N, C-alpha and C. Protein backbone atom coordinates (compact mmCIF):
# COMPACT_ATOMS: atom_id res chain seq x y z
N MET A 1 -3.71 -41.04 -42.82
CA MET A 1 -4.21 -41.35 -41.47
C MET A 1 -3.35 -40.68 -40.41
N ARG A 2 -2.02 -40.76 -40.64
CA ARG A 2 -1.11 -40.17 -39.68
C ARG A 2 -1.32 -38.66 -39.59
N CYS A 3 -1.58 -38.02 -40.72
CA CYS A 3 -1.82 -36.57 -40.75
C CYS A 3 -3.06 -36.20 -39.95
N LYS A 4 -4.10 -37.03 -40.07
CA LYS A 4 -5.33 -36.76 -39.33
C LYS A 4 -5.10 -36.84 -37.83
N ILE A 5 -4.31 -37.83 -37.43
CA ILE A 5 -4.00 -37.98 -36.00
C ILE A 5 -3.23 -36.76 -35.49
N VAL A 6 -2.24 -36.34 -36.31
CA VAL A 6 -1.46 -35.16 -35.93
C VAL A 6 -2.34 -33.93 -35.84
N ASP A 7 -3.25 -33.78 -36.82
CA ASP A 7 -4.16 -32.63 -36.82
C ASP A 7 -5.03 -32.62 -35.58
N ARG A 8 -5.57 -33.79 -35.23
CA ARG A 8 -6.42 -33.88 -34.04
C ARG A 8 -5.63 -33.55 -32.78
N PHE A 9 -4.38 -34.02 -32.75
CA PHE A 9 -3.52 -33.74 -31.59
C PHE A 9 -3.26 -32.25 -31.45
N LEU A 10 -2.96 -31.60 -32.58
CA LEU A 10 -2.69 -30.17 -32.55
C LEU A 10 -3.93 -29.37 -32.14
N ILE A 11 -5.08 -29.80 -32.63
CA ILE A 11 -6.32 -29.12 -32.25
C ILE A 11 -6.57 -29.27 -30.75
N ALA A 12 -6.35 -30.49 -30.24
CA ALA A 12 -6.56 -30.74 -28.81
C ALA A 12 -5.61 -29.89 -27.96
N MET A 13 -4.33 -29.79 -28.40
CA MET A 13 -3.35 -28.99 -27.67
C MET A 13 -3.73 -27.52 -27.70
N SER A 14 -4.26 -27.07 -28.84
CA SER A 14 -4.67 -25.67 -28.96
C SER A 14 -5.79 -25.36 -27.98
N VAL A 15 -6.74 -26.29 -27.86
CA VAL A 15 -7.86 -26.11 -26.93
C VAL A 15 -7.35 -26.04 -25.49
N VAL A 16 -6.41 -26.92 -25.16
CA VAL A 16 -5.84 -26.94 -23.81
C VAL A 16 -5.11 -25.63 -23.51
N LEU A 17 -4.28 -25.19 -24.45
CA LEU A 17 -3.52 -23.96 -24.27
C LEU A 17 -4.45 -22.76 -24.14
N PHE A 18 -5.48 -22.71 -24.98
CA PHE A 18 -6.45 -21.61 -24.91
C PHE A 18 -7.14 -21.59 -23.56
N SER A 19 -7.49 -22.78 -23.07
CA SER A 19 -8.15 -22.89 -21.78
C SER A 19 -7.25 -22.40 -20.67
N CYS A 20 -5.97 -22.77 -20.74
CA CYS A 20 -5.00 -22.35 -19.72
C CYS A 20 -4.84 -20.84 -19.70
N VAL A 21 -4.67 -20.26 -20.89
CA VAL A 21 -4.51 -18.80 -20.99
C VAL A 21 -5.75 -18.09 -20.45
N THR A 22 -6.92 -18.60 -20.81
CA THR A 22 -8.18 -18.00 -20.35
C THR A 22 -8.28 -18.05 -18.84
N ASN A 23 -7.90 -19.20 -18.26
CA ASN A 23 -7.95 -19.34 -16.80
C ASN A 23 -6.99 -18.40 -16.12
N ILE A 24 -5.81 -18.24 -16.69
CA ILE A 24 -4.82 -17.32 -16.12
C ILE A 24 -5.33 -15.90 -16.17
N GLN A 25 -5.90 -15.52 -17.33
CA GLN A 25 -6.43 -14.17 -17.47
C GLN A 25 -7.58 -13.93 -16.50
N ALA A 26 -8.43 -14.91 -16.32
CA ALA A 26 -9.55 -14.78 -15.39
C ALA A 26 -9.05 -14.64 -13.96
N ALA A 27 -8.01 -15.41 -13.64
CA ALA A 27 -7.44 -15.32 -12.28
C ALA A 27 -6.87 -13.94 -12.03
N GLN A 28 -6.20 -13.36 -13.05
CA GLN A 28 -5.65 -12.02 -12.90
C GLN A 28 -6.75 -10.99 -12.69
N VAL A 29 -7.83 -11.13 -13.47
CA VAL A 29 -8.95 -10.19 -13.37
C VAL A 29 -9.58 -10.26 -11.99
N ASN A 30 -9.68 -11.48 -11.44
CA ASN A 30 -10.37 -11.68 -10.18
C ASN A 30 -9.52 -11.34 -8.97
N LYS A 31 -8.25 -11.07 -9.16
CA LYS A 31 -7.41 -10.75 -8.02
C LYS A 31 -7.81 -9.41 -7.41
N THR A 32 -7.63 -9.30 -6.10
CA THR A 32 -7.91 -8.08 -5.38
C THR A 32 -6.86 -7.03 -5.72
N MET A 33 -7.30 -5.83 -6.09
CA MET A 33 -6.35 -4.78 -6.49
C MET A 33 -6.04 -3.87 -5.31
N LEU A 34 -4.75 -3.75 -5.01
CA LEU A 34 -4.28 -2.87 -3.96
C LEU A 34 -3.48 -1.73 -4.57
N VAL A 35 -3.77 -0.51 -4.14
CA VAL A 35 -2.97 0.65 -4.55
C VAL A 35 -2.37 1.27 -3.30
N GLY A 36 -1.08 1.52 -3.35
CA GLY A 36 -0.41 2.21 -2.26
C GLY A 36 -0.02 3.61 -2.70
N LEU A 37 -0.54 4.62 -2.02
CA LEU A 37 -0.25 6.02 -2.34
C LEU A 37 0.46 6.64 -1.15
N GLY A 38 1.70 7.07 -1.37
CA GLY A 38 2.43 7.61 -0.24
C GLY A 38 3.84 8.04 -0.58
N THR A 39 4.73 7.85 0.36
CA THR A 39 6.10 8.34 0.30
C THR A 39 7.05 7.21 -0.12
N SER A 40 8.33 7.42 0.14
CA SER A 40 9.30 6.36 -0.14
C SER A 40 9.07 5.13 0.74
N LEU A 41 8.35 5.30 1.85
CA LEU A 41 8.01 4.14 2.68
C LEU A 41 7.13 3.17 1.90
N THR A 42 6.39 3.69 0.94
CA THR A 42 5.62 2.85 0.02
C THR A 42 6.43 2.53 -1.23
N LYS A 43 7.02 3.56 -1.82
CA LYS A 43 7.73 3.39 -3.08
C LYS A 43 8.84 2.35 -3.00
N ASN A 44 9.64 2.41 -1.94
CA ASN A 44 10.82 1.56 -1.84
C ASN A 44 10.73 0.55 -0.70
N GLY A 45 9.58 0.45 -0.06
CA GLY A 45 9.47 -0.42 1.12
C GLY A 45 9.33 -1.89 0.81
N GLY A 46 8.94 -2.22 -0.42
CA GLY A 46 8.84 -3.62 -0.81
C GLY A 46 7.61 -4.35 -0.31
N TRP A 47 6.77 -3.69 0.49
CA TRP A 47 5.64 -4.40 1.09
C TRP A 47 4.52 -4.68 0.09
N LEU A 48 4.30 -3.76 -0.84
CA LEU A 48 3.29 -4.04 -1.87
C LEU A 48 3.72 -5.20 -2.76
N GLU A 49 4.98 -5.20 -3.12
CA GLU A 49 5.50 -6.25 -3.99
C GLU A 49 5.45 -7.62 -3.28
N GLU A 50 5.68 -7.61 -1.99
CA GLU A 50 5.58 -8.85 -1.22
C GLU A 50 4.14 -9.37 -1.22
N LEU A 51 3.19 -8.46 -1.09
CA LEU A 51 1.79 -8.86 -1.12
C LEU A 51 1.39 -9.37 -2.51
N ALA A 52 2.00 -8.80 -3.54
CA ALA A 52 1.71 -9.25 -4.91
C ALA A 52 2.09 -10.70 -5.11
N GLY A 53 3.07 -11.17 -4.36
CA GLY A 53 3.50 -12.55 -4.48
C GLY A 53 2.70 -13.52 -3.64
N ASP A 54 1.70 -12.99 -2.90
CA ASP A 54 0.86 -13.81 -2.04
C ASP A 54 -0.35 -14.28 -2.84
N GLY A 55 -0.39 -15.54 -3.19
CA GLY A 55 -1.49 -16.04 -3.99
C GLY A 55 -2.64 -16.61 -3.18
N GLN A 56 -2.54 -16.54 -1.85
CA GLN A 56 -3.53 -17.18 -0.99
C GLN A 56 -4.49 -16.19 -0.33
N THR A 57 -3.93 -15.15 0.29
CA THR A 57 -4.76 -14.20 1.03
C THR A 57 -5.76 -13.50 0.13
N CYS A 58 -7.03 -13.57 0.48
CA CYS A 58 -8.11 -12.88 -0.24
C CYS A 58 -8.12 -13.21 -1.74
N GLY A 59 -7.67 -14.41 -2.08
CA GLY A 59 -7.67 -14.82 -3.49
C GLY A 59 -6.53 -14.29 -4.30
N GLY A 60 -5.54 -13.66 -3.66
CA GLY A 60 -4.39 -13.11 -4.37
C GLY A 60 -4.56 -11.64 -4.68
N PHE A 61 -3.44 -10.96 -4.90
CA PHE A 61 -3.46 -9.52 -5.12
C PHE A 61 -2.74 -9.13 -6.41
N LYS A 62 -3.25 -8.08 -7.03
CA LYS A 62 -2.46 -7.34 -8.00
C LYS A 62 -2.28 -5.96 -7.41
N VAL A 63 -1.08 -5.39 -7.54
CA VAL A 63 -0.78 -4.16 -6.82
C VAL A 63 -0.30 -3.07 -7.77
N LEU A 64 -0.51 -1.84 -7.34
CA LEU A 64 0.05 -0.68 -8.03
C LEU A 64 0.74 0.17 -6.99
N ASN A 65 2.04 0.34 -7.17
CA ASN A 65 2.84 1.15 -6.26
C ASN A 65 2.83 2.59 -6.76
N ALA A 66 2.05 3.43 -6.08
CA ALA A 66 1.96 4.84 -6.45
C ALA A 66 2.66 5.71 -5.41
N GLY A 67 3.71 5.16 -4.80
CA GLY A 67 4.50 5.94 -3.86
C GLY A 67 5.47 6.85 -4.58
N GLY A 68 5.87 7.91 -3.91
CA GLY A 68 6.84 8.85 -4.47
C GLY A 68 7.91 9.21 -3.46
N ALA A 69 9.16 8.89 -3.76
CA ALA A 69 10.25 9.19 -2.83
C ALA A 69 10.37 10.70 -2.63
N GLY A 70 10.35 11.12 -1.39
CA GLY A 70 10.49 12.54 -1.05
C GLY A 70 9.22 13.35 -1.21
N GLU A 71 8.12 12.70 -1.56
CA GLU A 71 6.88 13.43 -1.83
C GLU A 71 6.01 13.56 -0.59
N ASN A 72 5.19 14.61 -0.58
CA ASN A 72 4.25 14.80 0.52
C ASN A 72 2.82 14.77 -0.03
N SER A 73 1.86 15.10 0.83
CA SER A 73 0.46 14.95 0.43
C SER A 73 0.01 15.98 -0.60
N ASP A 74 0.74 17.10 -0.75
CA ASP A 74 0.43 18.01 -1.87
C ASP A 74 0.54 17.26 -3.19
N TRP A 75 1.64 16.54 -3.33
CA TRP A 75 1.86 15.71 -4.52
C TRP A 75 0.80 14.62 -4.61
N GLY A 76 0.45 14.06 -3.47
CA GLY A 76 -0.53 12.99 -3.45
C GLY A 76 -1.87 13.40 -4.05
N THR A 77 -2.26 14.64 -3.82
CA THR A 77 -3.53 15.10 -4.37
C THR A 77 -3.50 15.17 -5.90
N THR A 78 -2.31 15.32 -6.47
CA THR A 78 -2.20 15.40 -7.94
C THR A 78 -2.28 14.02 -8.59
N LYS A 79 -2.17 12.97 -7.80
CA LYS A 79 -2.20 11.61 -8.33
C LYS A 79 -3.60 11.00 -8.32
N VAL A 80 -4.52 11.68 -7.67
CA VAL A 80 -5.83 11.08 -7.44
C VAL A 80 -6.57 10.78 -8.73
N GLU A 81 -6.57 11.73 -9.66
CA GLU A 81 -7.36 11.55 -10.89
C GLU A 81 -6.95 10.31 -11.66
N GLU A 82 -5.66 10.03 -11.73
CA GLU A 82 -5.22 8.86 -12.49
C GLU A 82 -5.43 7.55 -11.74
N LEU A 83 -5.60 7.63 -10.42
CA LEU A 83 -5.79 6.42 -9.64
C LEU A 83 -7.26 6.08 -9.44
N VAL A 84 -8.10 7.09 -9.28
CA VAL A 84 -9.50 6.83 -8.96
C VAL A 84 -10.21 6.10 -10.10
N VAL A 85 -9.77 6.33 -11.34
CA VAL A 85 -10.42 5.67 -12.49
C VAL A 85 -10.14 4.16 -12.49
N LEU A 86 -9.12 3.73 -11.76
CA LEU A 86 -8.80 2.31 -11.68
C LEU A 86 -9.78 1.57 -10.77
N LYS A 87 -10.46 2.32 -9.91
CA LYS A 87 -11.42 1.75 -8.95
C LYS A 87 -10.83 0.53 -8.23
N PRO A 88 -9.71 0.73 -7.53
CA PRO A 88 -9.09 -0.40 -6.83
C PRO A 88 -9.96 -0.90 -5.69
N ASP A 89 -9.70 -2.13 -5.28
CA ASP A 89 -10.43 -2.67 -4.13
C ASP A 89 -9.99 -2.00 -2.84
N TYR A 90 -8.69 -1.73 -2.75
CA TYR A 90 -8.15 -1.09 -1.54
C TYR A 90 -7.19 0.03 -1.93
N LEU A 91 -7.27 1.12 -1.19
CA LEU A 91 -6.32 2.21 -1.33
C LEU A 91 -5.66 2.44 0.02
N PHE A 92 -4.34 2.24 0.09
CA PHE A 92 -3.57 2.50 1.30
C PHE A 92 -2.89 3.87 1.15
N ILE A 93 -3.09 4.72 2.15
CA ILE A 93 -2.54 6.08 2.10
C ILE A 93 -1.59 6.30 3.26
N GLU A 94 -0.41 6.83 2.98
CA GLU A 94 0.53 7.22 4.05
C GLU A 94 1.37 8.41 3.59
N PHE A 95 1.14 9.54 4.20
CA PHE A 95 1.93 10.73 3.90
C PHE A 95 2.46 11.43 5.15
N ALA A 96 2.13 10.93 6.32
CA ALA A 96 2.53 11.61 7.55
C ALA A 96 4.04 11.79 7.64
N ALA A 97 4.80 10.78 7.18
CA ALA A 97 6.25 10.82 7.32
C ALA A 97 6.87 12.04 6.66
N ASN A 98 6.42 12.39 5.47
CA ASN A 98 7.00 13.54 4.78
C ASN A 98 6.23 14.83 5.05
N ASP A 99 4.94 14.72 5.32
CA ASP A 99 4.19 15.92 5.69
C ASP A 99 4.76 16.53 6.96
N ALA A 100 5.27 15.68 7.85
CA ALA A 100 5.80 16.15 9.13
C ALA A 100 7.22 16.70 9.03
N SER A 101 7.85 16.57 7.88
CA SER A 101 9.24 17.02 7.72
C SER A 101 9.34 18.55 7.75
N LEU A 102 10.32 19.03 8.49
CA LEU A 102 10.58 20.46 8.53
C LEU A 102 11.23 20.95 7.24
N LEU A 103 11.76 20.02 6.45
CA LEU A 103 12.50 20.39 5.24
C LEU A 103 11.62 20.41 4.00
N HIS A 104 10.74 19.43 3.85
CA HIS A 104 9.92 19.39 2.64
C HIS A 104 8.50 18.93 2.95
N GLY A 105 8.00 19.33 4.11
CA GLY A 105 6.66 18.92 4.51
C GLY A 105 5.62 19.99 4.23
N VAL A 106 4.47 19.82 4.84
CA VAL A 106 3.39 20.79 4.75
C VAL A 106 2.91 21.07 6.16
N SER A 107 2.10 22.08 6.32
CA SER A 107 1.57 22.39 7.65
C SER A 107 0.65 21.26 8.12
N HIS A 108 0.46 21.24 9.42
CA HIS A 108 -0.40 20.21 10.00
C HIS A 108 -1.81 20.29 9.41
N SER A 109 -2.36 21.48 9.33
CA SER A 109 -3.72 21.64 8.81
C SER A 109 -3.80 21.28 7.32
N LYS A 110 -2.75 21.63 6.56
CA LYS A 110 -2.73 21.31 5.14
C LYS A 110 -2.65 19.80 4.92
N SER A 111 -1.91 19.13 5.76
CA SER A 111 -1.78 17.68 5.67
C SER A 111 -3.14 17.02 5.84
N VAL A 112 -3.87 17.43 6.86
CA VAL A 112 -5.20 16.86 7.10
C VAL A 112 -6.14 17.20 5.94
N GLN A 113 -6.04 18.42 5.45
CA GLN A 113 -6.88 18.85 4.32
C GLN A 113 -6.60 18.01 3.08
N ASN A 114 -5.33 17.76 2.79
CA ASN A 114 -4.96 16.99 1.60
C ASN A 114 -5.45 15.55 1.68
N VAL A 115 -5.24 14.93 2.82
CA VAL A 115 -5.67 13.53 2.97
C VAL A 115 -7.20 13.45 2.91
N SER A 116 -7.86 14.43 3.48
CA SER A 116 -9.32 14.49 3.41
C SER A 116 -9.79 14.61 1.96
N TYR A 117 -9.08 15.40 1.17
CA TYR A 117 -9.42 15.56 -0.25
C TYR A 117 -9.31 14.23 -0.98
N ILE A 118 -8.24 13.48 -0.72
CA ILE A 118 -8.04 12.19 -1.37
C ILE A 118 -9.18 11.24 -1.01
N ILE A 119 -9.51 11.21 0.26
CA ILE A 119 -10.61 10.35 0.72
C ILE A 119 -11.91 10.74 0.02
N ASP A 120 -12.20 12.03 -0.01
CA ASP A 120 -13.46 12.51 -0.60
C ASP A 120 -13.56 12.16 -2.08
N LYS A 121 -12.45 12.31 -2.82
CA LYS A 121 -12.47 12.01 -4.26
C LYS A 121 -12.79 10.54 -4.50
N PHE A 122 -12.19 9.66 -3.71
CA PHE A 122 -12.47 8.24 -3.89
C PHE A 122 -13.89 7.90 -3.44
N ARG A 123 -14.34 8.57 -2.40
CA ARG A 123 -15.72 8.33 -1.95
C ARG A 123 -16.72 8.74 -3.03
N GLN A 124 -16.40 9.79 -3.76
CA GLN A 124 -17.31 10.29 -4.78
C GLN A 124 -17.25 9.47 -6.07
N GLU A 125 -16.05 9.04 -6.47
CA GLU A 125 -15.87 8.46 -7.79
C GLU A 125 -15.53 6.97 -7.81
N SER A 126 -15.26 6.41 -6.65
CA SER A 126 -14.97 4.97 -6.58
C SER A 126 -15.47 4.44 -5.24
N GLN A 127 -16.79 4.42 -5.12
CA GLN A 127 -17.41 4.11 -3.83
C GLN A 127 -17.06 2.72 -3.30
N SER A 128 -16.72 1.81 -4.19
CA SER A 128 -16.42 0.44 -3.75
C SER A 128 -15.02 0.31 -3.16
N THR A 129 -14.17 1.31 -3.36
CA THR A 129 -12.80 1.24 -2.84
C THR A 129 -12.78 1.37 -1.32
N LYS A 130 -12.12 0.43 -0.68
CA LYS A 130 -11.94 0.50 0.77
C LYS A 130 -10.65 1.27 1.04
N ILE A 131 -10.77 2.37 1.77
CA ILE A 131 -9.64 3.25 2.02
C ILE A 131 -9.04 2.93 3.38
N VAL A 132 -7.71 2.85 3.44
CA VAL A 132 -7.01 2.53 4.68
C VAL A 132 -5.90 3.56 4.90
N LEU A 133 -5.93 4.23 6.03
CA LEU A 133 -4.85 5.15 6.39
C LEU A 133 -3.84 4.39 7.24
N LEU A 134 -2.57 4.55 6.90
CA LEU A 134 -1.49 3.85 7.58
C LEU A 134 -0.72 4.77 8.51
N ALA A 135 -0.41 4.26 9.70
CA ALA A 135 0.56 4.90 10.58
C ALA A 135 1.71 3.91 10.70
N LEU A 136 2.86 4.27 10.17
CA LEU A 136 3.94 3.30 10.00
C LEU A 136 4.98 3.37 11.11
N ASN A 137 6.23 3.47 10.77
CA ASN A 137 7.30 3.24 11.72
C ASN A 137 7.76 4.51 12.44
N PRO A 138 8.43 4.33 13.57
CA PRO A 138 9.07 5.47 14.25
C PRO A 138 10.29 5.92 13.46
N MET A 139 10.77 7.13 13.74
CA MET A 139 11.95 7.65 13.05
C MET A 139 12.89 8.27 14.07
N SER A 140 14.18 8.15 13.78
CA SER A 140 15.19 8.61 14.73
C SER A 140 16.42 9.11 13.98
N GLY A 141 17.42 9.57 14.74
CA GLY A 141 18.64 10.08 14.12
C GLY A 141 18.40 11.40 13.43
N PRO A 142 19.38 11.90 12.68
CA PRO A 142 19.26 13.21 12.03
C PRO A 142 18.00 13.36 11.18
N LYS A 143 17.65 12.32 10.41
CA LYS A 143 16.44 12.41 9.58
C LYS A 143 15.18 12.40 10.43
N GLY A 144 15.25 11.70 11.55
CA GLY A 144 14.11 11.69 12.46
C GLY A 144 13.96 13.02 13.19
N TRP A 145 15.10 13.66 13.48
CA TRP A 145 15.05 14.95 14.19
C TRP A 145 14.35 16.02 13.37
N THR A 146 14.34 15.88 12.05
CA THR A 146 13.66 16.86 11.21
C THR A 146 12.15 16.62 11.16
N ARG A 147 11.70 15.61 11.93
CA ARG A 147 10.26 15.30 11.98
C ARG A 147 9.81 15.24 13.44
N PRO A 148 9.98 16.33 14.18
CA PRO A 148 9.69 16.30 15.62
C PRO A 148 8.22 16.06 15.95
N ARG A 149 7.32 16.35 15.01
CA ARG A 149 5.88 16.19 15.26
C ARG A 149 5.28 15.01 14.48
N LEU A 150 6.12 14.06 14.17
CA LEU A 150 5.65 12.93 13.36
C LEU A 150 4.43 12.27 13.97
N ASN A 151 4.47 11.96 15.25
CA ASN A 151 3.35 11.26 15.86
C ASN A 151 2.09 12.12 15.89
N THR A 152 2.27 13.43 15.95
CA THR A 152 1.10 14.33 15.88
C THR A 152 0.43 14.20 14.52
N PHE A 153 1.23 14.12 13.47
CA PHE A 153 0.68 13.94 12.11
C PHE A 153 0.02 12.58 11.98
N TYR A 154 0.70 11.54 12.46
CA TYR A 154 0.10 10.20 12.45
C TYR A 154 -1.26 10.22 13.14
N ASP A 155 -1.29 10.78 14.35
CA ASP A 155 -2.51 10.77 15.14
C ASP A 155 -3.62 11.59 14.49
N SER A 156 -3.25 12.68 13.85
CA SER A 156 -4.26 13.52 13.19
C SER A 156 -4.87 12.79 11.99
N HIS A 157 -4.06 12.04 11.27
CA HIS A 157 -4.59 11.27 10.14
C HIS A 157 -5.53 10.17 10.64
N LEU A 158 -5.17 9.56 11.76
CA LEU A 158 -6.04 8.52 12.31
C LEU A 158 -7.33 9.13 12.85
N ALA A 159 -7.24 10.32 13.43
CA ALA A 159 -8.44 11.01 13.91
C ALA A 159 -9.35 11.36 12.72
N LEU A 160 -8.74 11.78 11.62
CA LEU A 160 -9.50 12.06 10.41
C LEU A 160 -10.21 10.80 9.92
N ALA A 161 -9.51 9.69 9.96
CA ALA A 161 -10.10 8.42 9.54
C ALA A 161 -11.32 8.10 10.40
N ASP A 162 -11.20 8.34 11.69
CA ASP A 162 -12.32 8.08 12.59
C ASP A 162 -13.52 8.98 12.25
N GLU A 163 -13.23 10.24 11.96
CA GLU A 163 -14.30 11.19 11.60
C GLU A 163 -15.00 10.78 10.31
N GLN A 164 -14.21 10.27 9.36
CA GLN A 164 -14.79 9.94 8.05
C GLN A 164 -15.11 8.46 7.88
N ASN A 165 -15.03 7.74 8.98
CA ASN A 165 -15.35 6.31 8.95
C ASN A 165 -14.49 5.56 7.94
N VAL A 166 -13.19 5.81 8.01
CA VAL A 166 -12.22 5.16 7.15
C VAL A 166 -11.39 4.21 7.99
N ARG A 167 -11.01 3.09 7.41
CA ARG A 167 -10.22 2.10 8.14
C ARG A 167 -8.80 2.61 8.39
N VAL A 168 -8.20 2.14 9.48
CA VAL A 168 -6.83 2.51 9.81
C VAL A 168 -6.03 1.26 10.16
N LEU A 169 -4.74 1.35 9.91
CA LEU A 169 -3.82 0.32 10.36
C LEU A 169 -2.62 1.03 10.97
N ASP A 170 -2.50 0.93 12.26
CA ASP A 170 -1.43 1.59 13.01
C ASP A 170 -0.45 0.52 13.48
N VAL A 171 0.74 0.49 12.87
CA VAL A 171 1.72 -0.55 13.23
C VAL A 171 2.74 -0.05 14.25
N ARG A 172 2.58 1.17 14.73
CA ARG A 172 3.54 1.69 15.72
C ARG A 172 3.64 0.82 16.97
N PRO A 173 2.54 0.27 17.47
CA PRO A 173 2.67 -0.59 18.66
C PRO A 173 3.58 -1.80 18.45
N PHE A 174 3.63 -2.31 17.24
CA PHE A 174 4.48 -3.47 16.96
C PHE A 174 5.95 -3.07 16.96
N TRP A 175 6.23 -1.86 16.48
CA TRP A 175 7.59 -1.35 16.57
C TRP A 175 7.99 -1.09 18.01
N ALA A 176 7.03 -0.67 18.83
CA ALA A 176 7.31 -0.35 20.23
C ALA A 176 7.72 -1.59 21.03
N GLU A 177 7.39 -2.77 20.52
CA GLU A 177 7.76 -4.00 21.21
C GLU A 177 9.23 -4.37 21.01
N LEU A 178 9.90 -3.72 20.06
CA LEU A 178 11.28 -4.05 19.74
C LEU A 178 12.26 -3.27 20.63
N THR A 179 13.45 -3.81 20.78
CA THR A 179 14.50 -3.10 21.51
C THR A 179 15.09 -2.02 20.61
N SER A 180 15.81 -1.10 21.20
CA SER A 180 16.44 -0.03 20.41
C SER A 180 17.44 -0.61 19.42
N ASP A 181 18.14 -1.66 19.81
CA ASP A 181 19.10 -2.28 18.90
C ASP A 181 18.39 -2.93 17.71
N GLN A 182 17.25 -3.54 17.96
CA GLN A 182 16.48 -4.15 16.87
C GLN A 182 15.97 -3.08 15.90
N ILE A 183 15.51 -1.97 16.46
CA ILE A 183 15.02 -0.89 15.61
C ILE A 183 16.15 -0.33 14.76
N LYS A 184 17.32 -0.17 15.34
CA LYS A 184 18.47 0.32 14.57
C LYS A 184 18.83 -0.65 13.45
N HIS A 185 18.68 -1.93 13.73
CA HIS A 185 18.99 -2.94 12.71
C HIS A 185 17.97 -2.88 11.57
N PHE A 186 16.70 -2.74 11.93
CA PHE A 186 15.64 -2.75 10.93
C PHE A 186 15.46 -1.41 10.22
N ILE A 187 15.86 -0.31 10.87
CA ILE A 187 15.75 1.02 10.26
C ILE A 187 17.13 1.69 10.33
N PRO A 188 18.08 1.23 9.54
CA PRO A 188 19.46 1.68 9.68
C PRO A 188 19.68 3.18 9.45
N ASP A 189 18.87 3.81 8.60
CA ASP A 189 19.04 5.25 8.37
C ASP A 189 18.13 6.08 9.26
N GLY A 190 17.39 5.41 10.13
CA GLY A 190 16.53 6.12 11.07
C GLY A 190 15.14 6.43 10.53
N VAL A 191 14.92 6.23 9.24
CA VAL A 191 13.64 6.59 8.62
C VAL A 191 13.02 5.43 7.84
N HIS A 192 13.82 4.77 7.02
CA HIS A 192 13.29 3.78 6.08
C HIS A 192 13.56 2.35 6.56
N PRO A 193 12.52 1.62 6.94
CA PRO A 193 12.73 0.21 7.28
C PRO A 193 13.25 -0.55 6.06
N THR A 194 14.09 -1.53 6.31
CA THR A 194 14.56 -2.36 5.22
C THR A 194 13.41 -3.22 4.70
N VAL A 195 13.58 -3.76 3.51
CA VAL A 195 12.57 -4.67 2.97
C VAL A 195 12.41 -5.86 3.90
N GLU A 196 13.53 -6.32 4.46
CA GLU A 196 13.48 -7.44 5.42
C GLU A 196 12.60 -7.08 6.61
N ALA A 197 12.75 -5.85 7.11
CA ALA A 197 11.95 -5.41 8.25
C ALA A 197 10.47 -5.37 7.91
N ASN A 198 10.16 -4.86 6.75
CA ASN A 198 8.76 -4.80 6.35
C ASN A 198 8.15 -6.19 6.17
N LYS A 199 8.96 -7.13 5.71
CA LYS A 199 8.46 -8.50 5.58
C LYS A 199 8.13 -9.09 6.95
N LYS A 200 8.89 -8.70 7.96
CA LYS A 200 8.68 -9.25 9.30
C LYS A 200 7.59 -8.52 10.08
N ILE A 201 7.44 -7.22 9.83
CA ILE A 201 6.55 -6.42 10.68
C ILE A 201 5.33 -5.91 9.92
N LEU A 202 5.55 -5.20 8.82
CA LEU A 202 4.44 -4.55 8.14
C LEU A 202 3.58 -5.53 7.35
N VAL A 203 4.21 -6.38 6.55
CA VAL A 203 3.45 -7.28 5.67
C VAL A 203 2.53 -8.22 6.47
N PRO A 204 2.99 -8.87 7.53
CA PRO A 204 2.07 -9.74 8.28
C PRO A 204 0.88 -8.97 8.86
N ASN A 205 1.12 -7.73 9.28
CA ASN A 205 0.02 -6.93 9.83
C ASN A 205 -0.98 -6.55 8.74
N ILE A 206 -0.49 -6.19 7.57
CA ILE A 206 -1.41 -5.86 6.48
C ILE A 206 -2.17 -7.10 6.04
N ARG A 207 -1.47 -8.23 5.97
CA ARG A 207 -2.13 -9.48 5.55
C ARG A 207 -3.25 -9.85 6.54
N ASP A 208 -2.95 -9.78 7.84
CA ASP A 208 -3.96 -10.09 8.84
C ASP A 208 -5.13 -9.10 8.77
N PHE A 209 -4.78 -7.84 8.54
CA PHE A 209 -5.80 -6.80 8.42
C PHE A 209 -6.73 -7.08 7.25
N LEU A 210 -6.16 -7.43 6.11
CA LEU A 210 -6.96 -7.71 4.92
C LEU A 210 -7.83 -8.95 5.12
N LEU A 211 -7.27 -9.96 5.78
CA LEU A 211 -8.05 -11.17 6.04
C LEU A 211 -9.27 -10.89 6.91
N SER A 212 -9.18 -9.86 7.73
CA SER A 212 -10.29 -9.54 8.63
C SER A 212 -11.43 -8.79 7.92
N ILE A 213 -11.14 -8.28 6.72
CA ILE A 213 -12.17 -7.47 6.05
C ILE A 213 -12.46 -7.88 4.61
N CYS A 214 -11.64 -8.75 4.02
CA CYS A 214 -11.87 -9.09 2.60
C CYS A 214 -12.95 -10.17 2.46
């Protein structure tokens, strides 16, 4: 009799555990997939990972960080084939920061051409993906001086988005509200905001942006 009770208990526990695992797997499948394609501002910025920990907004997110430190949009075009097959819900693109670099950038026209190519490939092969072009932080100091036309690149990417009916998120106005001392604190090397800074400025803006369209 005791063995039968134990057997029934084990069977019941197995059913419960199976149900829990199934629910967890279903929740993972149903999460909104975000892909970030860009520079070290994406690769090391921590903002995608912060969104991955958000279980509330838009039903929660699973993220893929496809940023590349020191990379420009030439490199970005080589990543498209492996990303488009994933058919993510959202693709965030930011390459202006390195495209604008005098040291390892590309020409203004090439930058626009490359980003346009990425948009077109996703439009052709993953029509459900919502594409978002990002205009991120200001840059200063020696590393900023090597990007004298940064805002021109930012603006050209946003103009391209307007032409192709692609969503944009421009967080430069939020940076403009800060004092110079605050900006130095949040962007100590003049180029890369700290993870703390992105949690305070970029992540809330992306979260609000997603809530408005998801």
